[in-house]
Amino acid sequence: QVQLVESGGGLVQTGGSLRLSCAASTSIFSLNAMGWYRQAPGKQRELVADITSGGSTNYLDSAKGRFTVSRSIAKRTVYLQMNSLKPEDTAVYYCNARTYQRDYWGQGTQVTVSS
C-alpha cells in the first residue's frame, strides 16, 4: 500500500506560478513512475506530467515549456512546478504513483487560475 500526500494548490492569477508537492510513503525506486493528473469539471482526467523511476519525463502537450516535473529521492517527493498558468489549467490535480500491480492516487488539490 502506498500513501500519497499532496500540497501546494491554490488560487493564482493568469501568468502566475504554483508548485505542487507529493510525498510518497515508500521509496520512489519501488514505483514504476510518479506524476500528476488533472480533472476539470465535466472533463476526463488527463496526465499532466510524470517521471519514471529511471528519471524519464513525459508531459501533456499543453504543459510543455510551462510545467516541470521533478523529484527528490531522499524526500520521496515529486514536484510539479507550474509557470505561466492559464485559466484552462484550472482543475483538481491528483498525484499518481504506478506499480506493476496498480495505481495509487492522492486526495487531490485544487488549482484555480483567475483571468
PDB file of N, CA and C in Angstrom:
ATOM      1  N   GLN A   1       0.842  -1.185   0.000  1.00  0.00           N
ATOM      2  CA  GLN A   1       0.000   0.000   0.000  1.00  0.00           C
ATOM      3  C   GLN A   1       0.886   1.247   0.000  1.00  0.00           C
ATOM      4  N   VAL A   2       0.546   2.191  -0.863  1.00  0.00           N
ATOM      5  CA  VAL A   2       1.310   3.429  -0.978  1.00  0.00           C
ATOM      6  C   VAL A   2       0.395   4.602  -0.637  1.00  0.00           C
ATOM      7  N   GLN A   3       0.824   5.421   0.285  1.00  0.00           N
ATOM      8  CA  GLN A   3       0.082   6.649   0.594  1.00  0.00           C
ATOM      9  C   GLN A   3       0.770   7.833  -0.064  1.00  0.00           C
ATOM     10  N   LEU A   4      -0.052   8.724  -0.581  1.00  0.00           N
ATOM     11  CA  LEU A   4       0.441   9.924  -1.250  1.00  0.00           C
ATOM     12  C   LEU A   4      -0.181  11.144  -0.584  1.00  0.00           C
ATOM     13  N   VAL A   5       0.652  12.087  -0.205  1.00  0.00           N
ATOM     14  CA  VAL A   5       0.171  13.312   0.436  1.00  0.00           C
ATOM     15  C   VAL A   5       0.571  14.500  -0.421  1.00  0.00           C
ATOM     16  N   GLU A   6      -0.437  15.226  -0.877  1.00  0.00           N
ATOM     17  CA  GLU A   6      -0.221  16.357  -1.778  1.00  0.00           C
ATOM     18  C   GLU A   6      -0.299  17.681  -1.026  1.00  0.00           C
ATOM     19  N   SER A   7       0.344  18.668  -1.589  1.00  0.00           N
ATOM     20  CA  SER A   7       0.219  20.030  -1.074  1.00  0.00           C
ATOM     21  C   SER A   7       0.564  21.005  -2.183  1.00  0.00           C
ATOM     22  N   GLY A   8       0.138  22.253  -2.005  1.00  0.00           N
ATOM     23  CA  GLY A   8       0.599  23.306  -2.893  1.00  0.00           C
ATOM     24  C   GLY A   8      -0.413  23.901  -3.834  1.00  0.00           C
ATOM     25  N   GLY A   9      -1.639  23.444  -3.853  1.00  0.00           N
ATOM     26  CA  GLY A   9      -2.620  24.054  -4.739  1.00  0.00           C
ATOM     27  C   GLY A   9      -3.041  25.415  -4.231  1.00  0.00           C
ATOM     28  N   GLY A  10      -3.916  26.064  -4.995  1.00  0.00           N
ATOM     29  CA  GLY A  10      -4.411  27.356  -4.567  1.00  0.00           C
ATOM     30  C   GLY A  10      -4.951  28.173  -5.706  1.00  0.00           C
ATOM     31  N   LEU A  11      -5.143  29.463  -5.430  1.00  0.00           N
ATOM     32  CA  LEU A  11      -5.678  30.411  -6.401  1.00  0.00           C
ATOM     33  C   LEU A  11      -4.547  31.319  -6.870  1.00  0.00           C
ATOM     34  N   VAL A  12      -4.440  31.481  -8.176  1.00  0.00           N
ATOM     35  CA  VAL A  12      -3.391  32.314  -8.745  1.00  0.00           C
ATOM     36  C   VAL A  12      -3.947  33.037  -9.971  1.00  0.00           C
ATOM     37  N   GLN A  13      -3.387  34.166 -10.279  1.00  0.00           N
ATOM     38  CA  GLN A  13      -3.811  34.906 -11.461  1.00  0.00           C
ATOM     39  C   GLN A  13      -3.149  34.350 -12.717  1.00  0.00           C
ATOM     40  N   THR A  14      -3.735  34.644 -13.852  1.00  0.00           N
ATOM     41  CA  THR A  14      -3.151  34.252 -15.131  1.00  0.00           C
ATOM     42  C   THR A  14      -1.704  34.742 -15.220  1.00  0.00           C
ATOM     43  N   GLY A  15      -0.840  33.829 -15.636  1.00  0.00           N
ATOM     44  CA  GLY A  15       0.585  34.146 -15.732  1.00  0.00           C
ATOM     45  C   GLY A  15       1.381  33.840 -14.488  1.00  0.00           C
ATOM     46  N   GLY A  16       0.688  33.485 -13.429  1.00  0.00           N
ATOM     47  CA  GLY A  16       1.355  33.184 -12.171  1.00  0.00           C
ATOM     48  C   GLY A  16       1.921  31.784 -12.127  1.00  0.00           C
ATOM     49  N   SER A  17       2.474  31.445 -10.966  1.00  0.00           N
ATOM     50  CA  SER A  17       3.132  30.155 -10.778  1.00  0.00           C
ATOM     51  C   SER A  17       2.644  29.485  -9.498  1.00  0.00           C
ATOM     52  N   LEU A  18       2.692  28.171  -9.518  1.00  0.00           N
ATOM     53  CA  LEU A  18       2.423  27.357  -8.333  1.00  0.00           C
ATOM     54  C   LEU A  18       3.344  26.141  -8.382  1.00  0.00           C
ATOM     55  N   ARG A  19       3.652  25.614  -7.209  1.00  0.00           N
ATOM     56  CA  ARG A  19       4.389  24.362  -7.145  1.00  0.00           C
ATOM     57  C   ARG A  19       3.607  23.372  -6.306  1.00  0.00           C
ATOM     58  N   LEU A  20       3.347  22.230  -6.901  1.00  0.00           N
ATOM     59  CA  LEU A  20       2.681  21.146  -6.194  1.00  0.00           C
ATOM     60  C   LEU A  20       3.719  20.152  -5.705  1.00  0.00           C
ATOM     61  N   SER A  21       3.454  19.572  -4.539  1.00  0.00           N
ATOM     62  CA  SER A  21       4.333  18.553  -3.980  1.00  0.00           C
ATOM     63  C   SER A  21       3.522  17.305  -3.662  1.00  0.00           C
ATOM     64  N   CYS A  22       4.166  16.166  -3.798  1.00  0.00           N
ATOM     65  CA  CYS A  22       3.509  14.904  -3.474  1.00  0.00           C
ATOM     66  C   CYS A  22       4.536  14.000  -2.806  1.00  0.00           C
ATOM     67  N   ALA A  23       4.291  13.701  -1.533  1.00  0.00           N
ATOM     68  CA  ALA A  23       5.193  12.850  -0.764  1.00  0.00           C
ATOM     69  C   ALA A  23       4.642  11.432  -0.719  1.00  0.00           C
ATOM     70  N   ALA A  24       5.492  10.471  -1.051  1.00  0.00           N
ATOM     71  CA  ALA A  24       5.096   9.060  -1.053  1.00  0.00           C
ATOM     72  C   ALA A  24       5.563   8.385   0.229  1.00  0.00           C
ATOM     73  N   SER A  25       4.842   7.345   0.608  1.00  0.00           N
ATOM     74  CA  SER A  25       5.168   6.624   1.841  1.00  0.00           C
ATOM     75  C   SER A  25       6.207   5.541   1.607  1.00  0.00           C
ATOM     76  N   THR A  26       6.680   5.419   0.357  1.00  0.00           N
ATOM     77  CA  THR A  26       7.647   4.384   0.020  1.00  0.00           C
ATOM     78  C   THR A  26       8.719   4.975  -0.885  1.00  0.00           C
ATOM     79  N   SER A  27       9.795   4.235  -1.056  1.00  0.00           N
ATOM     80  CA  SER A  27      10.865   4.693  -1.929  1.00  0.00           C
ATOM     81  C   SER A  27      10.366   4.870  -3.357  1.00  0.00           C
ATOM     82  N   ILE A  28      10.818   5.952  -3.980  1.00  0.00           N
ATOM     83  CA  ILE A  28      10.434   6.207  -5.371  1.00  0.00           C
ATOM     84  C   ILE A  28      10.883   5.062  -6.275  1.00  0.00           C
ATOM     85  N   PHE A  29      11.978   4.398  -5.931  1.00  0.00           N
ATOM     86  CA  PHE A  29      12.501   3.332  -6.777  1.00  0.00           C
ATOM     87  C   PHE A  29      11.649   2.075  -6.731  1.00  0.00           C
ATOM     88  N   SER A  30      10.726   2.002  -5.782  1.00  0.00           N
ATOM     89  CA  SER A  30       9.804   0.864  -5.738  1.00  0.00           C
ATOM     90  C   SER A  30       8.591   1.102  -6.634  1.00  0.00           C
ATOM     91  N   LEU A  31       8.527   2.273  -7.250  1.00  0.00           N
ATOM     92  CA  LEU A  31       7.411   2.646  -8.116  1.00  0.00           C
ATOM     93  C   LEU A  31       7.882   2.726  -9.555  1.00  0.00           C
ATOM     94  N   ASN A  32       7.027   2.355 -10.496  1.00  0.00           N
ATOM     95  CA  ASN A  32       7.391   2.482 -11.900  1.00  0.00           C
ATOM     96  C   ASN A  32       7.490   3.953 -12.300  1.00  0.00           C
ATOM     97  N   ALA A  33       6.578   4.746 -11.770  1.00  0.00           N
ATOM     98  CA  ALA A  33       6.552   6.164 -12.096  1.00  0.00           C
ATOM     99  C   ALA A  33       5.699   6.905 -11.084  1.00  0.00           C
ATOM    100  N   MET A  34       5.935   8.193 -10.990  1.00  0.00           N
ATOM    101  CA  MET A  34       5.059   9.103 -10.234  1.00  0.00           C
ATOM    102  C   MET A  34       4.761  10.293 -11.114  1.00  0.00           C
ATOM    103  N   GLY A  35       3.594  10.865 -10.881  1.00  0.00           N
ATOM    104  CA  GLY A  35       3.267  12.019 -11.702  1.00  0.00           C
ATOM    105  C   GLY A  35       2.002  12.704 -11.259  1.00  0.00           C
ATOM    106  N   TRP A  36       1.515  13.536 -12.152  1.00  0.00           N
ATOM    107  CA  TRP A  36       0.356  14.368 -11.849  1.00  0.00           C
ATOM    108  C   TRP A  36      -0.677  14.250 -12.972  1.00  0.00           C
ATOM    109  N   TYR A  37      -1.905  14.066 -12.559  1.00  0.00           N
ATOM    110  CA  TYR A  37      -3.057  14.120 -13.443  1.00  0.00           C
ATOM    111  C   TYR A  37      -3.915  15.296 -13.007  1.00  0.00           C
ATOM    112  N   ARG A  38      -4.819  15.693 -13.873  1.00  0.00           N
ATOM    113  CA  ARG A  38      -5.774  16.732 -13.503  1.00  0.00           C
ATOM    114  C   ARG A  38      -7.138  16.412 -14.092  1.00  0.00           C
ATOM    115  N   GLN A  39      -8.139  16.934 -13.424  1.00  0.00           N
ATOM    116  CA  GLN A  39      -9.504  16.753 -13.896  1.00  0.00           C
ATOM    117  C   GLN A  39     -10.277  18.043 -13.688  1.00  0.00           C
ATOM    118  N   ALA A  40     -10.733  18.606 -14.794  1.00  0.00           N
ATOM    119  CA  ALA A  40     -11.566  19.804 -14.758  1.00  0.00           C
ATOM    120  C   ALA A  40     -13.032  19.374 -14.758  1.00  0.00           C
ATOM    121  N   PRO A  41     -13.933  20.223 -14.300  1.00  0.00           N
ATOM    122  CA  PRO A  41     -15.358  19.864 -14.265  1.00  0.00           C
ATOM    123  C   PRO A  41     -15.866  19.463 -15.642  1.00  0.00           C
ATOM    124  N   GLY A  42     -16.523  18.321 -15.701  1.00  0.00           N
ATOM    125  CA  GLY A  42     -17.101  17.858 -16.952  1.00  0.00           C
ATOM    126  C   GLY A  42     -16.115  17.246 -17.929  1.00  0.00           C
ATOM    127  N   LYS A  43     -14.855  17.102 -17.499  1.00  0.00           N
ATOM    128  CA  LYS A  43     -13.833  16.555 -18.397  1.00  0.00           C
ATOM    129  C   LYS A  43     -13.221  15.300 -17.795  1.00  0.00           C
ATOM    130  N   GLN A  44     -12.576  14.535 -18.656  1.00  0.00           N
ATOM    131  CA  GLN A  44     -11.897  13.331 -18.187  1.00  0.00           C
ATOM    132  C   GLN A  44     -10.577  13.698 -17.524  1.00  0.00           C
ATOM    133  N   ARG A  45     -10.158  12.828 -16.630  1.00  0.00           N
ATOM    134  CA  ARG A  45      -8.849  13.008 -16.001  1.00  0.00           C
ATOM    135  C   ARG A  45      -7.769  12.787 -17.058  1.00  0.00           C
ATOM    136  N   GLU A  46      -6.753  13.669 -17.040  1.00  0.00           N
ATOM    137  CA  GLU A  46      -5.688  13.563 -18.024  1.00  0.00           C
ATOM    138  C   GLU A  46      -4.323  13.659 -17.357  1.00  0.00           C
ATOM    139  N   LEU A  47      -3.361  12.991 -17.977  1.00  0.00           N
ATOM    140  CA  LEU A  47      -1.995  13.051 -17.478  1.00  0.00           C
ATOM    141  C   LEU A  47      -1.401  14.414 -17.797  1.00  0.00           C
ATOM    142  N   VAL A  48      -0.836  15.051 -16.789  1.00  0.00           N
ATOM    143  CA  VAL A  48      -0.164  16.335 -16.985  1.00  0.00           C
ATOM    144  C   VAL A  48       1.341  16.109 -17.176  1.00  0.00           C
ATOM    145  N   ALA A  49       1.928  15.347 -16.281  1.00  0.00           N
ATOM    146  CA  ALA A  49       3.357  15.065 -16.369  1.00  0.00           C
ATOM    147  C   ALA A  49       3.684  13.904 -15.443  1.00  0.00           C
ATOM    148  N   ASP A  50       4.671  13.123 -15.841  1.00  0.00           N
ATOM    149  CA  ASP A  50       5.157  12.100 -14.931  1.00  0.00           C
ATOM    150  C   ASP A  50       6.647  11.880 -15.111  1.00  0.00           C
ATOM    151  N   ILE A  51       7.207  11.154 -14.147  1.00  0.00           N
ATOM    152  CA  ILE A  51       8.636  10.864 -14.163  1.00  0.00           C
ATOM    153  C   ILE A  51       8.816   9.414 -13.738  1.00  0.00           C
ATOM    154  N   THR A  52       9.559   8.668 -14.527  1.00  0.00           N
ATOM    155  CA  THR A  52       9.739   7.250 -14.240  1.00  0.00           C
ATOM    156  C   THR A  52      10.812   7.040 -13.175  1.00  0.00           C
ATOM    157  N   SER A  53      10.904   5.813 -12.705  1.00  0.00           N
ATOM    158  CA  SER A  53      11.938   5.517 -11.720  1.00  0.00           C
ATOM    159  C   SER A  53      13.330   5.769 -12.295  1.00  0.00           C
ATOM    160  N   GLY A  54      13.449   5.654 -13.603  1.00  0.00           N
ATOM    161  CA  GLY A  54      14.730   5.921 -14.257  1.00  0.00           C
ATOM    162  C   GLY A  54      14.982   7.380 -14.538  1.00  0.00           C
ATOM    163  N   GLY A  55      13.995   8.230 -14.281  1.00  0.00           N
ATOM    164  CA  GLY A  55      14.174   9.672 -14.452  1.00  0.00           C
ATOM    165  C   GLY A  55      13.644  10.240 -15.754  1.00  0.00           C
ATOM    166  N   SER A  56      13.055   9.418 -16.592  1.00  0.00           N
ATOM    167  CA  SER A  56      12.468   9.929 -17.829  1.00  0.00           C
ATOM    168  C   SER A  56      11.176  10.671 -17.524  1.00  0.00           C
ATOM    169  N   THR A  57      10.940  11.744 -18.276  1.00  0.00           N
ATOM    170  CA  THR A  57       9.746  12.549 -18.051  1.00  0.00           C
ATOM    171  C   THR A  57       8.836  12.542 -19.264  1.00  0.00           C
ATOM    172  N   ASN A  58       7.580  12.820 -19.014  1.00  0.00           N
ATOM    173  CA  ASN A  58       6.563  12.829 -20.052  1.00  0.00           C
ATOM    174  C   ASN A  58       5.586  13.940 -19.715  1.00  0.00           C
ATOM    175  N   TYR A  59       5.195  14.736 -20.735  1.00  0.00           N
ATOM    176  CA  TYR A  59       4.322  15.884 -20.489  1.00  0.00           C
ATOM    177  C   TYR A  59       3.133  15.917 -21.445  1.00  0.00           C
ATOM    178  N   LEU A  60       2.021  16.424 -20.935  1.00  0.00           N
ATOM    179  CA  LEU A  60       0.907  16.825 -21.762  1.00  0.00           C
ATOM    180  C   LEU A  60       1.386  17.923 -22.697  1.00  0.00           C
ATOM    181  N   ASP A  61       0.948  17.880 -23.953  1.00  0.00           N
ATOM    182  CA  ASP A  61       1.445  18.866 -24.920  1.00  0.00           C
ATOM    183  C   ASP A  61       1.263  20.299 -24.430  1.00  0.00           C
ATOM    184  N   SER A  62       0.113  20.588 -23.851  1.00  0.00           N
ATOM    185  CA  SER A  62      -0.154  21.968 -23.433  1.00  0.00           C
ATOM    186  C   SER A  62       0.666  22.375 -22.211  1.00  0.00           C
ATOM    187  N   ALA A  63       1.309  21.413 -21.572  1.00  0.00           N
ATOM    188  CA  ALA A  63       2.134  21.705 -20.397  1.00  0.00           C
ATOM    189  C   ALA A  63       3.608  21.886 -20.750  1.00  0.00           C
ATOM    190  N   LYS A  64       3.986  21.438 -21.916  1.00  0.00           N
ATOM    191  CA  LYS A  64       5.405  21.516 -22.317  1.00  0.00           C
ATOM    192  C   LYS A  64       5.861  22.969 -22.370  1.00  0.00           C
ATOM    193  N   GLY A  65       7.018  23.216 -21.786  1.00  0.00           N
ATOM    194  CA  GLY A  65       7.563  24.568 -21.769  1.00  0.00           C
ATOM    195  C   GLY A  65       7.056  25.425 -20.630  1.00  0.00           C
ATOM    196  N   ARG A  66       5.997  24.992 -19.959  1.00  0.00           N
ATOM    197  CA  ARG A  66       5.458  25.768 -18.833  1.00  0.00           C
ATOM    198  C   ARG A  66       5.572  25.013 -17.510  1.00  0.00           C
ATOM    199  N   PHE A  67       5.406  23.713 -17.563  1.00  0.00           N
ATOM    200  CA  PHE A  67       5.422  22.897 -16.350  1.00  0.00           C
ATOM    201  C   PHE A  67       6.692  22.050 -16.321  1.00  0.00           C
ATOM    202  N   THR A  68       7.178  21.790 -15.111  1.00  0.00           N
ATOM    203  CA  THR A  68       8.341  20.928 -14.939  1.00  0.00           C
ATOM    204  C   THR A  68       8.081  19.949 -13.799  1.00  0.00           C
ATOM    205  N   VAL A  69       8.238  18.678 -14.091  1.00  0.00           N
ATOM    206  CA  VAL A  69       8.121  17.651 -13.054  1.00  0.00           C
ATOM    207  C   VAL A  69       9.527  17.287 -12.596  1.00  0.00           C
ATOM    208  N   SER A  70       9.685  17.161 -11.300  1.00  0.00           N
ATOM    209  CA  SER A  70      10.991  16.803 -10.742  1.00  0.00           C
ATOM    210  C   SER A  70      10.772  15.986  -9.480  1.00  0.00           C
ATOM    211  N   ARG A  71      11.862  15.538  -8.882  1.00  0.00           N
ATOM    212  CA  ARG A  71      11.711  14.701  -7.697  1.00  0.00           C
ATOM    213  C   ARG A  71      12.892  14.869  -6.759  1.00  0.00           C
ATOM    214  N   SER A  72      12.634  14.547  -5.496  1.00  0.00           N
ATOM    215  CA  SER A  72      13.683  14.406  -4.508  1.00  0.00           C
ATOM    216  C   SER A  72      13.622  12.962  -4.021  1.00  0.00           C
ATOM    217  N   ILE A  73      14.637  12.202  -4.364  1.00  0.00           N
ATOM    218  CA  ILE A  73      14.642  10.802  -3.969  1.00  0.00           C
ATOM    219  C   ILE A  73      14.719  10.684  -2.452  1.00  0.00           C
ATOM    220  N   ALA A  74      15.546  11.516  -1.848  1.00  0.00           N
ATOM    221  CA  ALA A  74      15.715  11.463  -0.393  1.00  0.00           C
ATOM    222  C   ALA A  74      14.423  11.766   0.349  1.00  0.00           C
ATOM    223  N   LYS A  75      13.646  12.712  -0.202  1.00  0.00           N
ATOM    224  CA  LYS A  75      12.393  13.102   0.449  1.00  0.00           C
ATOM    225  C   LYS A  75      11.212  12.272  -0.054  1.00  0.00           C
ATOM    226  N   ARG A  76      11.440  11.389  -1.038  1.00  0.00           N
ATOM    227  CA  ARG A  76      10.370  10.566  -1.621  1.00  0.00           C
ATOM    228  C   ARG A  76       9.237  11.466  -2.113  1.00  0.00           C
ATOM    229  N   THR A  77       9.613  12.550  -2.738  1.00  0.00           N
ATOM    230  CA  THR A  77       8.648  13.571  -3.128  1.00  0.00           C
ATOM    231  C   THR A  77       8.803  13.910  -4.603  1.00  0.00           C
ATOM    232  N   VAL A  78       7.669  14.084  -5.260  1.00  0.00           N
ATOM    233  CA  VAL A  78       7.632  14.553  -6.634  1.00  0.00           C
ATOM    234  C   VAL A  78       6.998  15.931  -6.653  1.00  0.00           C
ATOM    235  N   TYR A  79       7.531  16.791  -7.504  1.00  0.00           N
ATOM    236  CA  TYR A  79       7.069  18.164  -7.593  1.00  0.00           C
ATOM    237  C   TYR A  79       6.533  18.449  -8.994  1.00  0.00           C
ATOM    238  N   LEU A  80       5.619  19.392  -9.054  1.00  0.00           N
ATOM    239  CA  LEU A  80       5.186  19.926 -10.342  1.00  0.00           C
ATOM    240  C   LEU A  80       5.252  21.441 -10.251  1.00  0.00           C
ATOM    241  N   GLN A  81       6.244  22.000 -10.912  1.00  0.00           N
ATOM    242  CA  GLN A  81       6.374  23.452 -10.989  1.00  0.00           C
ATOM    243  C   GLN A  81       5.562  23.928 -12.178  1.00  0.00           C
ATOM    244  N   MET A  82       4.613  24.783 -11.928  1.00  0.00           N
ATOM    245  CA  MET A  82       3.723  25.269 -12.980  1.00  0.00           C
ATOM    246  C   MET A  82       3.913  26.769 -13.136  1.00  0.00           C
ATOM    247  N   ASN A  83       4.382  27.174 -14.295  1.00  0.00           N
ATOM    248  CA  ASN A  83       4.589  28.584 -14.611  1.00  0.00           C
ATOM    249  C   ASN A  83       3.662  29.010 -15.742  1.00  0.00           C
ATOM    250  N   SER A  84       3.519  30.300 -15.904  1.00  0.00           N
ATOM    251  CA  SER A  84       2.677  30.862 -16.984  1.00  0.00           C
ATOM    252  C   SER A  84       1.300  30.204 -16.989  1.00  0.00           C
ATOM    253  N   LEU A  85       0.702  30.141 -15.828  1.00  0.00           N
ATOM    254  CA  LEU A  85      -0.581  29.457 -15.705  1.00  0.00           C
ATOM    255  C   LEU A  85      -1.679  30.187 -16.461  1.00  0.00           C
ATOM    256  N   LYS A  86      -2.593  29.389 -16.991  1.00  0.00           N
ATOM    257  CA  LYS A  86      -3.714  29.904 -17.776  1.00  0.00           C
ATOM    258  C   LYS A  86      -5.020  29.452 -17.132  1.00  0.00           C
ATOM    259  N   PRO A  87      -6.116  30.152 -17.401  1.00  0.00           N
ATOM    260  CA  PRO A  87      -7.406  29.725 -16.835  1.00  0.00           C
ATOM    261  C   PRO A  87      -7.753  28.273 -17.177  1.00  0.00           C
ATOM    262  N   GLU A  88      -7.335  27.822 -18.355  1.00  0.00           N
ATOM    263  CA  GLU A  88      -7.637  26.433 -18.746  1.00  0.00           C
ATOM    264  C   GLU A  88      -6.838  25.402 -17.966  1.00  0.00           C
ATOM    265  N   ASP A  89      -5.911  25.837 -17.136  1.00  0.00           N
ATOM    266  CA  ASP A  89      -5.199  24.927 -16.242  1.00  0.00           C
ATOM    267  C   ASP A  89      -5.995  24.669 -14.960  1.00  0.00           C
ATOM    268  N   THR A  90      -7.083  25.380 -14.784  1.00  0.00           N
ATOM    269  CA  THR A  90      -7.906  25.196 -13.593  1.00  0.00           C
ATOM    270  C   THR A  90      -8.460  23.779 -13.543  1.00  0.00           C
ATOM    271  N   ALA A  91      -8.211  23.098 -12.430  1.00  0.00           N
ATOM    272  CA  ALA A  91      -8.628  21.698 -12.279  1.00  0.00           C
ATOM    273  C   ALA A  91      -8.249  21.222 -10.886  1.00  0.00           C
ATOM    274  N   VAL A  92      -8.727  20.033 -10.563  1.00  0.00           N
ATOM    275  CA  VAL A  92      -8.201  19.337  -9.402  1.00  0.00           C
ATOM    276  C   VAL A  92      -7.021  18.501  -9.882  1.00  0.00           C
ATOM    277  N   TYR A  93      -5.900  18.675  -9.245  1.00  0.00           N
ATOM    278  CA  TYR A  93      -4.674  17.961  -9.624  1.00  0.00           C
ATOM    279  C   TYR A  93      -4.465  16.803  -8.656  1.00  0.00           C
ATOM    280  N   TYR A  94      -4.216  15.630  -9.229  1.00  0.00           N
ATOM    281  CA  TYR A  94      -4.050  14.411  -8.444  1.00  0.00           C
ATOM    282  C   TYR A  94      -2.646  13.855  -8.628  1.00  0.00           C
ATOM    283  N   CYS A  95      -2.020  13.536  -7.538  1.00  0.00           N
ATOM    284  CA  CYS A  95      -0.759  12.819  -7.598  1.00  0.00           C
ATOM    285  C   CYS A  95      -1.036  11.355  -7.887  1.00  0.00           C
ATOM    286  N   ASN A  96      -0.184  10.755  -8.684  1.00  0.00           N
ATOM    287  CA  ASN A  96      -0.335   9.352  -9.067  1.00  0.00           C
ATOM    288  C   ASN A  96       0.976   8.620  -8.888  1.00  0.00           C
ATOM    289  N   ALA A  97       0.883   7.395  -8.401  1.00  0.00           N
ATOM    290  CA  ALA A  97       2.049   6.511  -8.322  1.00  0.00           C
ATOM    291  C   ALA A  97       1.672   5.187  -8.960  1.00  0.00           C
ATOM    292  N   ARG A  98       2.539   4.703  -9.837  1.00  0.00           N
ATOM    293  CA  ARG A  98       2.239   3.455 -10.560  1.00  0.00           C
ATOM    294  C   ARG A  98       3.199   2.354 -10.155  1.00  0.00           C
ATOM    295  N   THR A  99       2.613   1.176  -9.925  1.00  0.00           N
ATOM    296  CA  THR A  99       3.394  -0.040  -9.775  1.00  0.00           C
ATOM    297  C   THR A  99       2.912  -1.024 -10.838  1.00  0.00           C
ATOM    298  N   TYR A 100       3.544  -2.179 -10.913  1.00  0.00           N
ATOM    299  CA  TYR A 100       3.075  -3.182 -11.880  1.00  0.00           C
ATOM    300  C   TYR A 100       1.667  -3.662 -11.542  1.00  0.00           C
ATOM    301  N   GLN A 101       1.320  -3.591 -10.242  1.00  0.00           N
ATOM    302  CA  GLN A 101       0.043  -4.134  -9.811  1.00  0.00           C
ATOM    303  C   GLN A 101      -1.102  -3.145  -9.945  1.00  0.00           C
ATOM    304  N   ARG A 102      -0.840  -1.881  -9.661  1.00  0.00           N
ATOM    305  CA  ARG A 102      -1.948  -0.924  -9.613  1.00  0.00           C
ATOM    306  C   ARG A 102      -1.448   0.496  -9.554  1.00  0.00           C
ATOM    307  N   ASP A 103      -2.420   1.413  -9.680  1.00  0.00           N
ATOM    308  CA  ASP A 103      -2.169   2.835  -9.494  1.00  0.00           C
ATOM    309  C   ASP A 103      -2.611   3.253  -8.091  1.00  0.00           C
ATOM    310  N   TYR A 104      -1.911   4.230  -7.558  1.00  0.00           N
ATOM    311  CA  TYR A 104      -2.305   4.854  -6.297  1.00  0.00           C
ATOM    312  C   TYR A 104      -2.542   6.331  -6.565  1.00  0.00           C
ATOM    313  N   TRP A 105      -3.475   6.903  -5.788  1.00  0.00           N
ATOM    314  CA  TRP A 105      -3.857   8.302  -6.018  1.00  0.00           C
ATOM    315  C   TRP A 105      -3.828   9.101  -4.730  1.00  0.00           C
ATOM    316  N   GLY A 106      -3.447  10.358  -4.863  1.00  0.00           N
ATOM    317  CA  GLY A 106      -3.573  11.292  -3.762  1.00  0.00           C
ATOM    318  C   GLY A 106      -4.999  11.789  -3.655  1.00  0.00           C
ATOM    319  N   GLN A 107      -5.224  12.645  -2.667  1.00  0.00           N
ATOM    320  CA  GLN A 107      -6.579  13.113  -2.410  1.00  0.00           C
ATOM    321  C   GLN A 107      -7.000  14.224  -3.362  1.00  0.00           C
ATOM    322  N   GLY A 108      -6.073  14.807  -4.052  1.00  0.00           N
ATOM    323  CA  GLY A 108      -6.377  15.883  -4.993  1.00  0.00           C
ATOM    324  C   GLY A 108      -6.188  17.244  -4.361  1.00  0.00           C
ATOM    325  N   THR A 109      -5.723  18.180  -5.157  1.00  0.00           N
ATOM    326  CA  THR A 109      -5.557  19.553  -4.692  1.00  0.00           C
ATOM    327  C   THR A 109      -6.065  20.496  -5.789  1.00  0.00           C
ATOM    328  N   GLN A 110      -6.847  21.474  -5.370  1.00  0.00           N
ATOM    329  CA  GLN A 110      -7.475  22.380  -6.336  1.00  0.00           C
ATOM    330  C   GLN A 110      -6.483  23.441  -6.799  1.00  0.00           C
ATOM    331  N   VAL A 111      -6.421  23.627  -8.104  1.00  0.00           N
ATOM    332  CA  VAL A 111      -5.674  24.735  -8.701  1.00  0.00           C
ATOM    333  C   VAL A 111      -6.672  25.578  -9.481  1.00  0.00           C
ATOM    334  N   THR A 112      -6.750  26.843  -9.131  1.00  0.00           N
ATOM    335  CA  THR A 112      -7.660  27.754  -9.807  1.00  0.00           C
ATOM    336  C   THR A 112      -6.868  28.934 -10.349  1.00  0.00           C
ATOM    337  N   VAL A 113      -7.002  29.171 -11.645  1.00  0.00           N
ATOM    338  CA  VAL A 113      -6.301  30.278 -12.297  1.00  0.00           C
ATOM    339  C   VAL A 113      -7.342  31.288 -12.740  1.00  0.00           C
ATOM    340  N   SER A 114      -7.269  32.474 -12.171  1.00  0.00           N
ATOM    341  CA  SER A 114      -8.250  33.513 -12.494  1.00  0.00           C
ATOM    342  C   SER A 114      -7.769  34.343 -13.673  1.00  0.00           C
ATOM    343  N   SER A 115      -8.724  34.793 -14.474  1.00  0.00           N
ATOM    344  CA  SER A 115      -8.370  35.595 -15.662  1.00  0.00           C
ATOM    345  C   SER A 115      -8.382  37.076 -15.352  1.00  0.00           C
TER     346      SER A 115
END
